[in-house]
């Protein structure tokens, strides 16, 4: 019984990390479009290399790695629980 609750909780943790990743992920193009007004420059490379665009992208990449580690850790915790459930 407790193993089922643990497995369900770990699956929800993994799902929540995935949804959060999807919400914070930003590509270079999207970061550039958010960071700079269109009237600032016609060259998109200028937008993508602005300090704000780089900061948005860095936060996005850090979030991606952090949430990926949460997912991997959750899977590692889930494996023994699932194997004990399957053994019963």
PDB file of N, CA and C in Angstrom:
ATOM      1  N   UNK A   1       0.825  -1.195   0.000  1.00  0.00           N
ATOM      2  CA  UNK A   1       0.000   0.000   0.000  1.00  0.00           C
ATOM      3  C   UNK A   1       0.867   1.255   0.000  1.00  0.00           C
ATOM      4  N   UNK A   2       1.859   1.291   0.931  1.00  0.00           N
ATOM      5  CA  UNK A   2       2.711   2.473   1.010  1.00  0.00           C
ATOM      6  C   UNK A   2       3.585   2.621  -0.236  1.00  0.00           C
ATOM      7  N   UNK A   3       3.982   1.473  -0.802  1.00  0.00           N
ATOM      8  CA  UNK A   3       4.788   1.531  -2.013  1.00  0.00           C
ATOM      9  C   UNK A   3       4.009   2.157  -3.161  1.00  0.00           C
ATOM     10  N   UNK A   4       2.710   1.877  -3.229  1.00  0.00           N
ATOM     11  CA  UNK A   4       1.871   2.467  -4.285  1.00  0.00           C
ATOM     12  C   UNK A   4       1.795   3.981  -4.125  1.00  0.00           C
ATOM     13  N   UNK A   5       1.656   4.447  -2.897  1.00  0.00           N
ATOM     14  CA  UNK A   5       1.615   5.888  -2.647  1.00  0.00           C
ATOM     15  C   UNK A   5       2.956   6.538  -2.982  1.00  0.00           C
ATOM     16  N   UNK A   6       4.053   5.860  -2.622  1.00  0.00           N
ATOM     17  CA  UNK A   6       5.387   6.377  -2.940  1.00  0.00           C
ATOM     18  C   UNK A   6       5.584   6.440  -4.450  1.00  0.00           C
ATOM     19  N   UNK A   7       5.208   5.386  -5.139  1.00  0.00           N
ATOM     20  CA  UNK A   7       5.344   5.368  -6.595  1.00  0.00           C
ATOM     21  C   UNK A   7       4.509   6.474  -7.230  1.00  0.00           C
ATOM     22  N   UNK A   8       3.289   6.644  -6.767  1.00  0.00           N
ATOM     23  CA  UNK A   8       2.435   7.713  -7.299  1.00  0.00           C
ATOM     24  C   UNK A   8       3.033   9.096  -7.054  1.00  0.00           C
ATOM     25  N   UNK A   9       3.581   9.298  -5.859  1.00  0.00           N
ATOM     26  CA  UNK A   9       4.206  10.578  -5.545  1.00  0.00           C
ATOM     27  C   UNK A   9       5.427  10.857  -6.399  1.00  0.00           C
ATOM     28  N   UNK A  10       6.244   9.840  -6.627  1.00  0.00           N
ATOM     29  CA  UNK A  10       7.428  10.018  -7.458  1.00  0.00           C
ATOM     30  C   UNK A  10       7.055  10.293  -8.911  1.00  0.00           C
ATOM     31  N   UNK A  11       6.032   9.640  -9.390  1.00  0.00           N
ATOM     32  CA  UNK A  11       5.569   9.897 -10.757  1.00  0.00           C
ATOM     33  C   UNK A  11       5.045  11.327 -10.874  1.00  0.00           C
ATOM     34  N   UNK A  12       4.309  11.787  -9.874  1.00  0.00           N
ATOM     35  CA  UNK A  12       3.828  13.174  -9.893  1.00  0.00           C
ATOM     36  C   UNK A  12       4.985  14.171  -9.829  1.00  0.00           C
ATOM     37  N   UNK A  13       6.022  13.855  -9.050  1.00  0.00           N
ATOM     38  CA  UNK A  13       7.202  14.715  -8.996  1.00  0.00           C
ATOM     39  C   UNK A  13       7.854  14.819 -10.368  1.00  0.00           C
ATOM     40  N   UNK A  14       8.009  13.692 -11.034  1.00  0.00           N
ATOM     41  CA  UNK A  14       8.602  13.679 -12.359  1.00  0.00           C
ATOM     42  C   UNK A  14       7.740  14.451 -13.361  1.00  0.00           C
ATOM     43  N   UNK A  15       6.443  14.264 -13.289  1.00  0.00           N
ATOM     44  CA  UNK A  15       5.529  14.980 -14.179  1.00  0.00           C
ATOM     45  C   UNK A  15       5.575  16.479 -13.901  1.00  0.00           C
ATOM     46  N   UNK A  16       5.599  16.865 -12.631  1.00  0.00           N
ATOM     47  CA  UNK A  16       5.675  18.281 -12.270  1.00  0.00           C
ATOM     48  C   UNK A  16       6.953  18.927 -12.748  1.00  0.00           C
ATOM     49  N   UNK A  17       8.075  18.219 -12.629  1.00  0.00           N
ATOM     50  CA  UNK A  17       9.345  18.754 -13.126  1.00  0.00           C
ATOM     51  C   UNK A  17       9.303  18.929 -14.638  1.00  0.00           C
ATOM     52  N   UNK A  18       8.677  18.003 -15.335  1.00  0.00           N
ATOM     53  CA  UNK A  18       8.559  18.105 -16.796  1.00  0.00           C
ATOM     54  C   UNK A  18       7.700  19.296 -17.202  1.00  0.00           C
ATOM     55  N   UNK A  19       6.590  19.484 -16.521  1.00  0.00           N
ATOM     56  CA  UNK A  19       5.705  20.610 -16.828  1.00  0.00           C
ATOM     57  C   UNK A  19       6.408  21.934 -16.523  1.00  0.00           C
ATOM     58  N   UNK A  20       7.131  21.993 -15.420  1.00  0.00           N
ATOM     59  CA  UNK A  20       7.870  23.198 -15.067  1.00  0.00           C
ATOM     60  C   UNK A  20       8.943  23.495 -16.106  1.00  0.00           C
ATOM     61  N   UNK A  21       9.651  22.472 -16.550  1.00  0.00           N
ATOM     62  CA  UNK A  21      10.656  22.658 -17.595  1.00  0.00           C
ATOM     63  C   UNK A  21      10.018  23.256 -18.843  1.00  0.00           C
ATOM     64  N   UNK A  22       8.899  22.707 -19.242  1.00  0.00           N
ATOM     65  CA  UNK A  22       8.215  23.217 -20.437  1.00  0.00           C
ATOM     66  C   UNK A  22       7.847  24.697 -20.264  1.00  0.00           C
ATOM     67  N   UNK A  23       7.477  25.086 -19.051  1.00  0.00           N
ATOM     68  CA  UNK A  23       7.069  26.463 -18.796  1.00  0.00           C
ATOM     69  C   UNK A  23       8.220  27.450 -18.768  1.00  0.00           C
ATOM     70  N   UNK A  24       9.418  27.018 -18.363  1.00  0.00           N
ATOM     71  CA  UNK A  24      10.534  27.955 -18.252  1.00  0.00           C
ATOM     72  C   UNK A  24      11.505  27.875 -19.418  1.00  0.00           C
ATOM     73  N   UNK A  25      11.372  26.882 -20.279  1.00  0.00           N
ATOM     74  CA  UNK A  25      12.312  26.744 -21.388  1.00  0.00           C
ATOM     75  C   UNK A  25      12.156  27.905 -22.360  1.00  0.00           C
ATOM     76  N   UNK A  26      13.275  28.439 -22.810  1.00  0.00           N
ATOM     77  CA  UNK A  26      13.270  29.531 -23.776  1.00  0.00           C
ATOM     78  C   UNK A  26      14.413  29.329 -24.761  1.00  0.00           C
ATOM     79  N   UNK A  27      14.093  29.365 -26.051  1.00  0.00           N
ATOM     80  CA  UNK A  27      15.129  29.248 -27.071  1.00  0.00           C
ATOM     81  C   UNK A  27      15.821  30.590 -27.241  1.00  0.00           C
ATOM     82  N   UNK A  28      16.930  30.604 -27.984  1.00  0.00           N
ATOM     83  CA  UNK A  28      17.628  31.862 -28.248  1.00  0.00           C
ATOM     84  C   UNK A  28      16.717  32.846 -28.959  1.00  0.00           C
ATOM     85  N   UNK A  29      15.960  32.360 -29.927  1.00  0.00           N
ATOM     86  CA  UNK A  29      15.068  33.250 -30.682  1.00  0.00           C
ATOM     87  C   UNK A  29      14.010  33.872 -29.782  1.00  0.00           C
ATOM     88  N   UNK A  30      13.386  33.030 -28.958  1.00  0.00           N
ATOM     89  CA  UNK A  30      12.336  33.539 -28.068  1.00  0.00           C
ATOM     90  C   UNK A  30      12.909  34.533 -27.059  1.00  0.00           C
ATOM     91  N   UNK A  31      14.082  34.228 -26.522  1.00  0.00           N
ATOM     92  CA  UNK A  31      14.709  35.145 -25.563  1.00  0.00           C
ATOM     93  C   UNK A  31      15.034  36.476 -26.225  1.00  0.00           C
ATOM     94  N   UNK A  32      15.506  36.426 -27.456  1.00  0.00           N
ATOM     95  CA  UNK A  32      15.820  37.653 -28.175  1.00  0.00           C
ATOM     96  C   UNK A  32      14.586  38.485 -28.458  1.00  0.00           C
ATOM     97  N   UNK A  33      13.509  37.831 -28.805  1.00  0.00           N
ATOM     98  CA  UNK A  33      12.266  38.558 -29.085  1.00  0.00           C
ATOM     99  C   UNK A  33      11.673  39.183 -27.825  1.00  0.00           C
ATOM    100  N   UNK A  34      11.821  38.512 -26.704  1.00  0.00           N
ATOM    101  CA  UNK A  34      11.306  39.045 -25.448  1.00  0.00           C
ATOM    102  C   UNK A  34      12.181  40.184 -24.937  1.00  0.00           C
ATOM    103  N   UNK A  35      13.483  40.056 -25.112  1.00  0.00           N
ATOM    104  CA  UNK A  35      14.429  40.967 -24.485  1.00  0.00           C
ATOM    105  C   UNK A  35      14.523  42.337 -25.155  1.00  0.00           C
ATOM    106  N   UNK A  36      14.280  42.409 -26.452  1.00  0.00           N
ATOM    107  CA  UNK A  36      14.551  43.653 -27.181  1.00  0.00           C
ATOM    108  C   UNK A  36      13.334  44.060 -28.000  1.00  0.00           C
ATOM    109  N   UNK A  37      13.052  45.337 -27.975  1.00  0.00           N
ATOM    110  CA  UNK A  37      11.970  45.866 -28.810  1.00  0.00           C
ATOM    111  C   UNK A  37      12.362  45.767 -30.286  1.00  0.00           C
ATOM    112  N   UNK A  38      11.393  45.570 -31.156  1.00  0.00           N
ATOM    113  CA  UNK A  38      11.657  45.417 -32.590  1.00  0.00           C
ATOM    114  C   UNK A  38      12.310  46.662 -33.192  1.00  0.00           C
ATOM    115  N   UNK A  39      12.043  47.816 -32.628  1.00  0.00           N
ATOM    116  CA  UNK A  39      12.588  49.043 -33.204  1.00  0.00           C
ATOM    117  C   UNK A  39      14.061  49.241 -32.856  1.00  0.00           C
ATOM    118  N   UNK A  40      14.585  48.428 -31.950  1.00  0.00           N
ATOM    119  CA  UNK A  40      15.972  48.580 -31.532  1.00  0.00           C
ATOM    120  C   UNK A  40      16.938  48.239 -32.661  1.00  0.00           C
ATOM    121  N   UNK A  41      16.623  47.221 -33.438  1.00  0.00           N
ATOM    122  CA  UNK A  41      17.509  46.787 -34.513  1.00  0.00           C
ATOM    123  C   UNK A  41      16.736  45.848 -35.431  1.00  0.00           C
ATOM    124  N   UNK A  42      17.096  45.861 -36.699  1.00  0.00           N
ATOM    125  CA  UNK A  42      16.487  44.929 -37.647  1.00  0.00           C
ATOM    126  C   UNK A  42      17.211  43.589 -37.674  1.00  0.00           C
ATOM    127  N   UNK A  43      18.382  43.539 -37.083  1.00  0.00           N
ATOM    128  CA  UNK A  43      19.203  42.333 -37.093  1.00  0.00           C
ATOM    129  C   UNK A  43      18.868  41.462 -35.882  1.00  0.00           C
ATOM    130  N   UNK A  44      18.350  40.267 -36.128  1.00  0.00           N
ATOM    131  CA  UNK A  44      17.974  39.374 -35.027  1.00  0.00           C
ATOM    132  C   UNK A  44      19.182  38.921 -34.213  1.00  0.00           C
ATOM    133  N   UNK A  45      20.363  38.880 -34.812  1.00  0.00           N
ATOM    134  CA  UNK A  45      21.559  38.490 -34.052  1.00  0.00           C
ATOM    135  C   UNK A  45      21.857  39.487 -32.944  1.00  0.00           C
ATOM    136  N   UNK A  46      21.528  40.768 -33.174  1.00  0.00           N
ATOM    137  CA  UNK A  46      21.690  41.767 -32.114  1.00  0.00           C
ATOM    138  C   UNK A  46      20.760  41.472 -30.948  1.00  0.00           C
ATOM    139  N   UNK A  47      19.543  41.032 -31.245  1.00  0.00           N
ATOM    140  CA  UNK A  47      18.571  40.724 -30.194  1.00  0.00           C
ATOM    141  C   UNK A  47      19.066  39.565 -29.350  1.00  0.00           C
ATOM    142  N   UNK A  48      19.541  38.520 -30.033  1.00  0.00           N
ATOM    143  CA  UNK A  48      19.931  37.288 -29.339  1.00  0.00           C
ATOM    144  C   UNK A  48      21.170  37.469 -28.468  1.00  0.00           C
ATOM    145  N   UNK A  49      21.995  38.454 -28.788  1.00  0.00           N
ATOM    146  CA  UNK A  49      23.226  38.633 -28.032  1.00  0.00           C
ATOM    147  C   UNK A  49      23.116  39.746 -26.986  1.00  0.00           C
ATOM    148  N   UNK A  50      21.926  40.302 -26.801  1.00  0.00           N
ATOM    149  CA  UNK A  50      21.768  41.348 -25.788  1.00  0.00           C
ATOM    150  C   UNK A  50      21.919  40.738 -24.388  1.00  0.00           C
ATOM    151  N   UNK A  51      22.324  41.537 -23.413  1.00  0.00           N
ATOM    152  CA  UNK A  51      22.516  40.997 -22.064  1.00  0.00           C
ATOM    153  C   UNK A  51      21.249  40.352 -21.479  1.00  0.00           C
ATOM    154  N   UNK A  52      20.088  40.960 -21.707  1.00  0.00           N
ATOM    155  CA  UNK A  52      18.859  40.389 -21.165  1.00  0.00           C
ATOM    156  C   UNK A  52      18.524  39.061 -21.840  1.00  0.00           C
ATOM    157  N   UNK A  53      18.718  38.997 -23.153  1.00  0.00           N
ATOM    158  CA  UNK A  53      18.449  37.745 -23.868  1.00  0.00           C
ATOM    159  C   UNK A  53      19.380  36.643 -23.381  1.00  0.00           C
ATOM    160  N   UNK A  54      20.651  36.974 -23.153  1.00  0.00           N
ATOM    161  CA  UNK A  54      21.587  35.970 -22.647  1.00  0.00           C
ATOM    162  C   UNK A  54      21.200  35.521 -21.245  1.00  0.00           C
ATOM    163  N   UNK A  55      20.739  36.448 -20.412  1.00  0.00           N
ATOM    164  CA  UNK A  55      20.320  36.095 -19.048  1.00  0.00           C
ATOM    165  C   UNK A  55      19.083  35.200 -19.069  1.00  0.00           C
ATOM    166  N   UNK A  56      18.132  35.509 -19.947  1.00  0.00           N
ATOM    167  CA  UNK A  56      16.925  34.677 -20.073  1.00  0.00           C
ATOM    168  C   UNK A  56      17.318  33.271 -20.520  1.00  0.00           C
ATOM    169  N   UNK A  57      18.191  33.191 -21.491  1.00  0.00           N
ATOM    170  CA  UNK A  57      18.618  31.895 -22.014  1.00  0.00           C
ATOM    171  C   UNK A  57      19.390  31.102 -20.950  1.00  0.00           C
ATOM    172  N   UNK A  58      20.262  31.791 -20.180  1.00  0.00           N
ATOM    173  CA  UNK A  58      21.027  31.112 -19.133  1.00  0.00           C
ATOM    174  C   UNK A  58      20.094  30.546 -18.068  1.00  0.00           C
ATOM    175  N   UNK A  59      19.086  31.329 -17.673  1.00  0.00           N
ATOM    176  CA  UNK A  59      18.115  30.845 -16.688  1.00  0.00           C
ATOM    177  C   UNK A  59      17.363  29.638 -17.226  1.00  0.00           C
ATOM    178  N   UNK A  60      17.035  29.681 -18.509  1.00  0.00           N
ATOM    179  CA  UNK A  60      16.322  28.575 -19.134  1.00  0.00           C
ATOM    180  C   UNK A  60      17.168  27.301 -19.143  1.00  0.00           C
ATOM    181  N   UNK A  61      18.439  27.436 -19.494  1.00  0.00           N
ATOM    182  CA  UNK A  61      19.326  26.265 -19.548  1.00  0.00           C
ATOM    183  C   UNK A  61      19.550  25.698 -18.140  1.00  0.00           C
ATOM    184  N   UNK A  62      19.740  26.581 -17.155  1.00  0.00           N
ATOM    185  CA  UNK A  62      19.916  26.110 -15.768  1.00  0.00           C
ATOM    186  C   UNK A  62      18.671  25.376 -15.288  1.00  0.00           C
ATOM    187  N   UNK A  63      17.495  25.911 -15.610  1.00  0.00           N
ATOM    188  CA  UNK A  63      16.247  25.243 -15.228  1.00  0.00           C
ATOM    189  C   UNK A  63      16.141  23.882 -15.901  1.00  0.00           C
ATOM    190  N   UNK A  64      16.545  23.810 -17.164  1.00  0.00           N
ATOM    191  CA  UNK A  64      16.492  22.542 -17.895  1.00  0.00           C
ATOM    192  C   UNK A  64      17.368  21.502 -17.199  1.00  0.00           C
ATOM    193  N   UNK A  65      18.594  21.867 -16.844  1.00  0.00           N
ATOM    194  CA  UNK A  65      19.491  20.916 -16.185  1.00  0.00           C
ATOM    195  C   UNK A  65      18.986  20.528 -14.803  1.00  0.00           C
ATOM    196  N   UNK A  66      18.535  21.502 -14.040  1.00  0.00           N
ATOM    197  CA  UNK A  66      18.034  21.215 -12.695  1.00  0.00           C
ATOM    198  C   UNK A  66      16.829  20.302 -12.701  1.00  0.00           C
ATOM    199  N   UNK A  67      15.877  20.589 -13.579  1.00  0.00           N
ATOM    200  CA  UNK A  67      14.683  19.748 -13.643  1.00  0.00           C
ATOM    201  C   UNK A  67      14.995  18.379 -14.232  1.00  0.00           C
ATOM    202  N   UNK A  68      15.966  18.322 -15.123  1.00  0.00           N
ATOM    203  CA  UNK A  68      16.402  17.023 -15.643  1.00  0.00           C
ATOM    204  C   UNK A  68      16.986  16.162 -14.540  1.00  0.00           C
ATOM    205  N   UNK A  69      17.765  16.790 -13.650  1.00  0.00           N
ATOM    206  CA  UNK A  69      18.334  16.053 -12.514  1.00  0.00           C
ATOM    207  C   UNK A  69      17.243  15.574 -11.567  1.00  0.00           C
ATOM    208  N   UNK A  70      16.207  16.390 -11.372  1.00  0.00           N
ATOM    209  CA  UNK A  70      15.075  15.962 -10.537  1.00  0.00           C
ATOM    210  C   UNK A  70      14.412  14.731 -11.150  1.00  0.00           C
ATOM    211  N   UNK A  71      14.218  14.762 -12.470  1.00  0.00           N
ATOM    212  CA  UNK A  71      13.592  13.608 -13.141  1.00  0.00           C
ATOM    213  C   UNK A  71      14.448  12.355 -13.007  1.00  0.00           C
ATOM    214  N   UNK A  72      15.746  12.479 -13.206  1.00  0.00           N
ATOM    215  CA  UNK A  72      16.636  11.317 -13.092  1.00  0.00           C
ATOM    216  C   UNK A  72      16.644  10.794 -11.656  1.00  0.00           C
ATOM    217  N   UNK A  73      16.716  11.692 -10.689  1.00  0.00           N
ATOM    218  CA  UNK A  73      16.680  11.275  -9.281  1.00  0.00           C
ATOM    219  C   UNK A  73      15.380  10.587  -8.923  1.00  0.00           C
ATOM    220  N   UNK A  74      14.288  11.102  -9.469  1.00  0.00           N
ATOM    221  CA  UNK A  74      12.988  10.488  -9.212  1.00  0.00           C
ATOM    222  C   UNK A  74      12.930   9.082  -9.794  1.00  0.00           C
ATOM    223  N   UNK A  75      13.438   8.909 -11.009  1.00  0.00           N
ATOM    224  CA  UNK A  75      13.456   7.582 -11.625  1.00  0.00           C
ATOM    225  C   UNK A  75      14.310   6.622 -10.795  1.00  0.00           C
ATOM    226  N   UNK A  76      15.462   7.101 -10.317  1.00  0.00           N
ATOM    227  CA  UNK A  76      16.320   6.246  -9.496  1.00  0.00           C
ATOM    228  C   UNK A  76      15.626   5.835  -8.199  1.00  0.00           C
ATOM    229  N   UNK A  77      14.836   6.717  -7.619  1.00  0.00           N
ATOM    230  CA  UNK A  77      14.083   6.378  -6.413  1.00  0.00           C
ATOM    231  C   UNK A  77      12.911   5.457  -6.729  1.00  0.00           C
ATOM    232  N   UNK A  78      12.364   5.614  -7.917  1.00  0.00           N
ATOM    233  CA  UNK A  78      11.179   4.850  -8.303  1.00  0.00           C
ATOM    234  C   UNK A  78      11.511   3.395  -8.637  1.00  0.00           C
ATOM    235  N   UNK A  79      12.703   3.132  -9.149  1.00  0.00           N
ATOM    236  CA  UNK A  79      13.064   1.774  -9.577  1.00  0.00           C
ATOM    237  C   UNK A  79      12.946   0.735  -8.466  1.00  0.00           C
ATOM    238  N   UNK A  80      13.489   0.960  -7.274  1.00  0.00           N
ATOM    239  CA  UNK A  80      13.336  -0.065  -6.234  1.00  0.00           C
ATOM    240  C   UNK A  80      11.889  -0.246  -5.794  1.00  0.00           C
ATOM    241  N   UNK A  81      11.127   0.850  -5.792  1.00  0.00           N
ATOM    242  CA  UNK A  81       9.724   0.746  -5.383  1.00  0.00           C
ATOM    243  C   UNK A  81       8.949  -0.103  -6.396  1.00  0.00           C
ATOM    244  N   UNK A  82       9.172   0.149  -7.663  1.00  0.00           N
ATOM    245  CA  UNK A  82       8.472  -0.616  -8.706  1.00  0.00           C
ATOM    246  C   UNK A  82       8.909  -2.069  -8.678  1.00  0.00           C
ATOM    247  N   UNK A  83      10.195  -2.301  -8.490  1.00  0.00           N
ATOM    248  CA  UNK A  83      10.655  -3.709  -8.455  1.00  0.00           C
ATOM    249  C   UNK A  83      10.071  -4.453  -7.255  1.00  0.00           C
ATOM    250  N   UNK A  84       9.906  -3.774  -6.101  1.00  0.00           N
ATOM    251  CA  UNK A  84       9.310  -4.459  -4.951  1.00  0.00           C
ATOM    252  C   UNK A  84       7.817  -4.689  -5.189  1.00  0.00           C
ATOM    253  N   UNK A  85       7.151  -3.788  -5.891  1.00  0.00           N
ATOM    254  CA  UNK A  85       5.738  -3.997  -6.220  1.00  0.00           C
ATOM    255  C   UNK A  85       5.564  -5.157  -7.185  1.00  0.00           C
ATOM    256  N   UNK A  86       6.479  -5.283  -8.131  1.00  0.00           N
ATOM    257  CA  UNK A  86       6.382  -6.354  -9.119  1.00  0.00           C
ATOM    258  C   UNK A  86       6.707  -7.700  -8.491  1.00  0.00           C
ATOM    259  N   UNK A  87       7.528  -7.696  -7.428  1.00  0.00           N
ATOM    260  CA  UNK A  87       7.913  -8.953  -6.778  1.00  0.00           C
ATOM    261  C   UNK A  87       6.775  -9.532  -5.948  1.00  0.00           C
ATOM    262  N   UNK A  88       5.836  -8.678  -5.533  1.00  0.00           N
ATOM    263  CA  UNK A  88       4.737  -9.153  -4.691  1.00  0.00           C
ATOM    264  C   UNK A  88       3.727  -9.950  -5.458  1.00  0.00           C
TER     265      UNK A  88
END
